[in-house]
Protein backbone atom coordinates (compact mmCIF):
# COMPACT_ATOMS: atom_id res chain seq x y z
CA MET A 1 163.79 153.04 216.56
CA THR A 2 162.09 156.30 217.56
CA SER A 3 160.43 158.47 214.95
CA HIS A 4 162.94 161.28 215.50
CA ARG A 5 165.92 158.94 215.20
CA ALA A 6 164.53 157.36 212.05
CA GLU A 7 164.03 160.78 210.48
CA THR A 8 167.57 161.87 211.37
CA ILE A 9 169.07 158.69 209.90
CA ALA A 10 166.92 159.11 206.79
CA MET A 11 168.10 162.69 206.33
CA ILE A 12 171.76 161.68 206.62
CA ALA A 13 171.29 158.71 204.27
CA ILE A 14 169.59 160.85 201.62
CA ALA A 15 172.24 163.59 201.83
CA ILE A 16 175.00 160.97 201.38
CA SER A 17 173.08 159.41 198.49
CA GLY A 18 172.98 162.83 196.84
CA VAL A 19 176.76 163.02 197.09
CA LEU A 20 177.10 159.62 195.41
CA TRP A 21 174.67 160.50 192.64
CA GLY A 22 176.58 163.72 192.06
CA VAL A 23 179.04 161.65 190.00
CA PHE A 24 176.27 159.60 188.35
CA TRP A 25 176.83 161.44 185.07
CA ILE A 26 180.45 160.27 184.72
CA PRO A 27 179.87 156.54 184.09
CA LEU A 28 176.65 157.40 182.22
CA ARG A 29 178.57 159.49 179.69
CA ALA A 30 181.54 157.10 179.72
CA LEU A 31 179.37 154.52 177.96
CA GLU A 32 179.50 156.69 174.83
CA HIS A 33 183.17 155.79 174.34
CA VAL A 34 182.27 152.14 173.70
CA GLY A 35 179.33 152.80 171.41
CA ILE A 36 176.53 152.85 174.00
CA SER A 37 175.14 156.32 173.54
CA GLY A 38 171.99 158.37 173.92
CA VAL A 39 168.94 156.60 175.28
CA TRP A 40 170.73 153.25 175.19
CA ALA A 41 173.14 154.42 177.88
CA VAL A 42 170.09 155.09 180.07
CA VAL A 43 168.77 151.59 179.29
CA VAL A 44 172.02 149.94 180.43
CA PHE A 45 172.01 151.99 183.64
CA GLN A 46 168.46 150.89 184.48
CA VAL A 47 168.41 147.30 183.27
CA LEU A 48 171.73 146.19 184.77
CA PRO A 49 170.83 147.02 188.43
CA THR A 50 167.42 145.41 187.88
CA ALA A 51 169.09 142.24 186.61
CA LEU A 52 171.41 142.18 189.62
CA LEU A 53 168.41 142.57 191.93
CA LEU A 54 166.31 139.94 190.15
CA PRO A 55 166.71 137.27 192.90
CA LEU A 56 165.50 139.75 195.53
CA ILE A 57 162.68 140.90 193.24
CA LEU A 58 161.47 137.31 192.82
CA TYR A 59 161.81 136.68 196.56
CA ARG A 60 159.71 139.78 197.36
CA ALA A 61 157.29 139.28 194.46
CA ARG A 62 154.30 138.40 196.65
CA SER A 63 154.91 141.37 198.95
CA ILE A 64 155.26 143.67 195.93
CA LEU A 65 152.03 142.38 194.37
CA ASN A 66 150.23 142.76 197.70
CA GLY A 67 151.32 146.41 197.80
CA GLY A 68 148.56 147.22 195.33
CA MET A 69 148.17 150.33 193.21
CA SER A 70 149.81 152.63 195.75
CA LEU A 71 153.09 150.73 195.51
CA ALA A 72 152.84 150.33 191.74
CA ILE A 73 152.08 154.01 191.09
CA GLY A 74 154.74 155.29 193.51
CA GLY A 75 157.40 153.00 192.08
CA ALA A 76 156.38 153.76 188.51
CA LEU A 77 156.51 157.52 189.03
CA ALA A 78 159.93 157.25 190.67
CA GLY A 79 161.14 155.08 187.78
CA VAL A 80 159.91 157.53 185.15
CA SER A 81 161.58 160.37 187.06
CA LEU A 82 164.99 158.69 187.15
CA VAL A 83 164.85 157.72 183.48
CA LEU A 84 164.03 161.29 182.45
CA TYR A 85 166.74 162.64 184.74
CA SER A 86 169.30 160.22 183.27
CA GLY A 87 168.24 161.32 179.80
CA ALA A 88 168.69 164.95 180.82
CA LEU A 89 172.29 164.24 181.88
CA ILE A 90 172.96 162.99 178.36
CA PHE A 91 170.98 165.46 176.25
CA THR A 92 171.90 168.70 178.05
CA ASP A 93 174.68 170.14 180.25
CA VAL A 94 175.19 168.36 183.57
CA VAL A 95 174.61 171.47 185.67
CA ARG A 96 171.47 172.44 183.73
CA ALA A 97 170.06 168.93 184.20
CA LEU A 98 170.83 169.04 187.92
CA LEU A 99 169.32 172.43 188.53
CA LEU A 100 166.18 171.89 186.49
CA PHE A 101 165.55 168.67 188.37
CA TYR A 102 166.24 170.32 191.71
CA LEU A 103 163.35 172.68 191.42
CA THR A 104 161.63 169.63 192.91
CA PRO A 105 161.62 170.95 196.53
CA LEU A 106 159.15 173.58 195.39
CA TRP A 107 156.83 171.06 193.75
CA SER A 108 157.20 168.57 196.62
CA THR A 109 156.56 171.10 199.37
CA LEU A 110 153.50 172.52 197.60
CA LEU A 111 152.10 169.07 196.84
CA ALA A 112 152.62 167.89 200.42
CA ARG A 113 150.92 171.04 201.66
CA PHE A 114 147.84 170.66 199.48
CA THR A 115 147.50 166.86 199.44
CA GLN A 116 148.61 165.97 202.98
CA ASN A 117 148.04 169.30 204.73
CA GLU A 118 151.71 169.30 205.76
CA PRO A 119 152.71 172.65 207.31
CA ILE A 120 155.41 174.76 205.68
CA THR A 121 157.64 175.74 208.59
CA LYS A 122 159.87 178.80 208.85
CA VAL A 123 162.95 176.55 208.66
CA ARG A 124 161.58 174.92 205.49
CA LEU A 125 160.92 178.31 203.92
CA LEU A 126 164.46 179.41 204.74
CA THR A 127 165.95 176.25 203.23
CA ILE A 128 163.92 176.75 200.04
CA VAL A 129 165.02 180.38 199.79
CA LEU A 130 168.67 179.39 200.26
CA ALA A 131 168.32 176.60 197.71
CA LEU A 132 166.80 178.92 195.11
CA MET A 133 169.51 181.51 195.76
CA GLY A 134 172.12 178.84 195.10
CA LEU A 135 170.36 177.72 191.95
CA CYS A 136 170.24 181.31 190.65
CA LEU A 137 173.94 181.76 191.36
CA ILE A 138 174.92 178.67 189.42
CA ILE A 139 172.52 178.66 186.51
CA ARG A 140 173.26 182.21 185.24
CA PHE A 141 169.76 183.06 184.10
CA GLU A 142 170.85 185.97 181.96
CA GLU A 143 173.28 183.85 179.93
CA ASN A 144 172.17 180.24 179.84
CA PHE A 145 168.58 179.88 180.98
CA GLN A 146 166.73 181.12 177.92
CA ILE A 147 163.12 180.47 176.98
CA ARG A 148 164.24 178.04 174.29
CA MET A 149 164.98 174.70 175.93
CA ASN A 150 166.28 171.52 174.34
CA VAL A 151 164.90 168.04 174.92
CA GLY A 152 167.35 167.42 177.76
CA ASP A 153 166.21 170.57 179.56
CA TRP A 154 162.58 169.47 179.35
CA MET A 155 163.55 166.03 180.62
CA GLY A 156 165.28 167.60 183.62
CA LEU A 157 162.30 169.80 184.44
CA ALA A 158 159.77 166.99 183.96
CA SER A 159 161.81 164.56 186.07
CA GLY A 160 161.70 166.92 189.05
CA ILE A 161 157.94 167.44 188.78
CA ILE A 162 157.26 163.70 188.45
CA TRP A 163 159.57 162.92 191.38
CA ALA A 164 157.56 165.35 193.51
CA PHE A 165 154.41 163.32 192.81
CA ALA A 166 156.31 160.07 193.48
CA ALA A 167 157.65 161.34 196.83
CA VAL A 168 154.20 162.44 197.97
CA ARG A 169 152.74 159.06 196.97
CA ILE A 170 155.50 157.11 198.76
CA LYS A 171 155.17 159.19 201.93
CA ALA A 172 151.39 158.71 201.92
CA ALA A 173 151.85 154.94 201.73
CA GLY A 174 153.62 154.98 205.10
CA ARG A 175 156.73 153.33 206.48
CA GLY A 176 157.82 149.74 206.08
CA LYS A 177 157.58 149.57 202.29
CA GLY A 178 160.92 151.11 201.34
CA VAL A 179 162.41 147.86 199.96
CA ASP A 180 159.35 147.07 197.85
CA PHE A 181 159.20 150.64 196.54
CA ALA A 182 162.88 150.44 195.56
CA LEU A 183 162.44 147.11 193.75
CA THR A 184 159.32 148.37 191.97
CA PHE A 185 161.25 151.49 191.06
CA PHE A 186 164.02 149.49 189.37
CA VAL A 187 161.60 147.25 187.45
CA MET A 188 159.51 150.18 186.22
CA SER A 189 162.54 152.31 185.30
CA SER A 190 163.83 149.45 183.13
CA PHE A 191 160.55 149.23 181.22
CA VAL A 192 160.35 153.01 180.83
CA ALA A 193 163.95 153.24 179.58
CA LEU A 194 163.31 150.52 177.01
CA ALA A 195 160.10 152.26 175.93
CA MET A 196 162.02 155.52 175.48
CA THR A 197 164.16 153.89 172.76
CA LEU A 198 161.03 153.89 170.58
CA LEU A 199 160.75 157.68 170.68
CA PRO A 200 162.15 159.69 167.74
CA LEU A 201 164.68 161.60 169.85
CA GLU A 202 167.47 163.42 168.04
CA GLY A 203 170.81 161.94 169.07
CA ALA A 204 169.10 158.92 170.65
CA GLY A 205 171.85 156.63 169.39
CA ALA A 206 171.75 153.23 167.71
CA ALA A 207 171.21 149.99 169.58
CA PRO A 208 174.59 148.80 170.93
CA SER A 209 176.09 145.44 170.14
CA ILE A 210 176.23 142.65 172.70
CA THR A 211 180.03 142.90 172.52
CA ALA A 212 179.89 146.57 173.56
CA ILE A 213 177.64 145.78 176.51
CA VAL A 214 179.78 142.86 177.68
CA SER A 215 182.93 145.01 177.40
CA VAL A 216 181.70 147.44 180.10
CA LEU A 217 180.34 144.92 182.61
CA TYR A 218 183.64 144.70 184.50
CA TRP A 219 183.25 148.31 185.65
CA MET A 220 179.50 148.80 185.28
CA ILE A 221 178.65 146.08 187.81
CA PRO A 222 180.71 147.75 190.61
CA VAL A 223 179.17 151.10 189.64
CA ALA A 224 175.69 149.61 189.93
CA VAL A 225 176.47 147.95 193.25
CA VAL A 226 178.02 151.07 194.80
CA LEU A 227 176.62 154.08 192.97
CA ILE A 228 173.11 153.12 191.88
CA ILE A 229 171.52 150.45 194.09
CA PRO A 230 172.34 151.67 197.66
CA PRO A 231 171.33 155.32 197.04
CA ALA A 232 168.08 154.16 195.43
CA PHE A 233 167.19 152.04 198.46
CA ALA A 234 168.14 154.88 200.81
CA LEU A 235 166.03 157.30 198.80
CA MET A 236 162.96 155.05 198.69
CA TRP A 237 163.17 154.28 202.40
CA GLY A 238 163.79 157.91 203.23
CA ALA A 239 160.81 158.95 201.10
CA SER A 240 158.58 156.82 203.33
CA VAL A 241 159.95 158.45 206.50
CA ILE A 242 160.43 162.18 205.87
CA SER A 243 158.50 164.83 203.96
CA PRO A 244 158.74 165.09 200.16
CA GLY A 245 159.94 168.71 200.25
CA LEU A 246 162.76 167.90 202.66
CA ILE A 247 163.94 165.02 200.48
CA GLY A 248 164.42 167.37 197.55
CA ILE A 249 166.34 169.83 199.68
CA LEU A 250 168.61 167.18 201.22
CA PHE A 251 169.34 165.62 197.85
CA MET A 252 170.67 168.96 196.67
CA THR A 253 174.09 167.75 197.82
CA GLU A 254 174.08 166.20 194.35
CA VAL A 255 174.08 169.69 192.81
CA SER A 256 177.27 170.65 194.64
CA VAL A 257 179.12 167.47 193.73
CA GLY A 258 177.75 167.46 190.19
CA ALA A 259 178.70 171.08 189.53
CA ILE A 260 182.26 170.58 190.80
CA THR A 261 182.88 167.28 188.99
CA ALA A 262 181.34 168.61 185.75
CA ALA A 263 183.70 171.58 185.91
CA ILE A 264 186.71 169.30 186.42
CA TRP A 265 185.94 166.49 183.98
CA ALA A 266 183.38 167.91 181.53
CA GLY A 267 184.88 171.39 181.19
CA GLU A 268 181.68 173.13 182.27
CA PRO A 269 181.98 176.64 183.81
CA PHE A 270 182.93 176.84 187.48
CA GLY A 271 184.08 180.16 188.89
CA LEU A 272 183.41 182.30 191.95
CA ARG A 273 179.69 182.50 191.22
CA GLU A 274 179.35 178.73 190.87
CA ALA A 275 181.41 178.18 194.03
CA LEU A 276 179.15 180.52 196.01
CA GLY A 277 176.12 178.70 194.63
CA VAL A 278 177.50 175.36 195.80
CA VAL A 279 178.15 176.78 199.29
CA VAL A 280 174.62 178.21 199.54
CA ILE A 281 172.98 175.00 198.27
CA THR A 282 175.05 172.91 200.67
CA ALA A 283 173.97 175.19 203.52
CA ALA A 284 170.35 174.74 202.44
CA GLY A 285 170.74 170.98 202.49
CA ALA A 286 172.39 170.99 205.93
CA LEU A 287 170.12 173.51 207.66
CA GLU A 288 167.06 171.39 208.41
CA PRO A 289 168.94 168.20 209.46
CA ILE A 290 171.09 170.26 211.85
CA TYR A 291 168.01 172.03 213.20
CA SER A 292 166.25 168.68 213.64
CA LEU A 293 169.26 167.19 215.45
CA LEU A 294 169.54 170.17 217.81
CA LYS A 295 165.82 170.06 218.49
CA SER A 296 165.92 166.35 219.30
CA ARG A 297 168.74 166.92 221.81
CA GLN A 298 166.70 169.61 223.53
CA THR A 299 163.63 167.39 223.76
CA PRO A 300 163.39 165.60 227.16
CA ALA A 301 163.75 161.81 226.95
């Protein structure tokens, strides 16, 4: 597979993964109805996919161990990022969690520029500008985004910054390690989620009963197999192929889907301003892949 083709496939895969994770908050919050709330809902969402992947983790154990500190740090950072992001979806509004996390293209682009000397192209600048315009349209700075932030807001912001470091680390490690990064990511996110239950978080929730956990497996397993595991593998592989800043921009498809679904099923605001924001963010996510595809067609074989 040529480098250009691999990058195009990675961009498409990440954009689709963003769409899938745009409804990630629905099953996460649905766990509250059976007594699995707060941090414990995050634990179930991390530990269950890890348990399902355990045979593959054991099979790839030697390869994972041979990956060294680069693999461990990249996977750990990605795991911490997802756990904090999942916590943000529980402890603050869905749209606020999404948008605070999706400041990550800024952090990723700047980190890639200063740590890997990656150029910031005119197309990248335009996509960032469009993305920020969309964020401003949706978040309503004058009404909702005040200086005082709750724990969920801080989780959303921190998750985006940590993901930027993870993406830069994964890209620096090179291609061919996407599977091992994904498996390390799941293992580390499980440990981090369990560790988070020890923190004195308000509204963290009590430990659920075994009966409550068993009662949701019939729908949680399909959710893990469809909604959690494939996007994670696509994201980790994509992070080893394309630039960290572009990943954040492409994954902004999650903002559009998340904002719409939160308006429908969580009763969060969604009017003309939010609709325009979704359109602008979607355009930002589509701009660079379309430009890359057109450029590849113009390049002589």
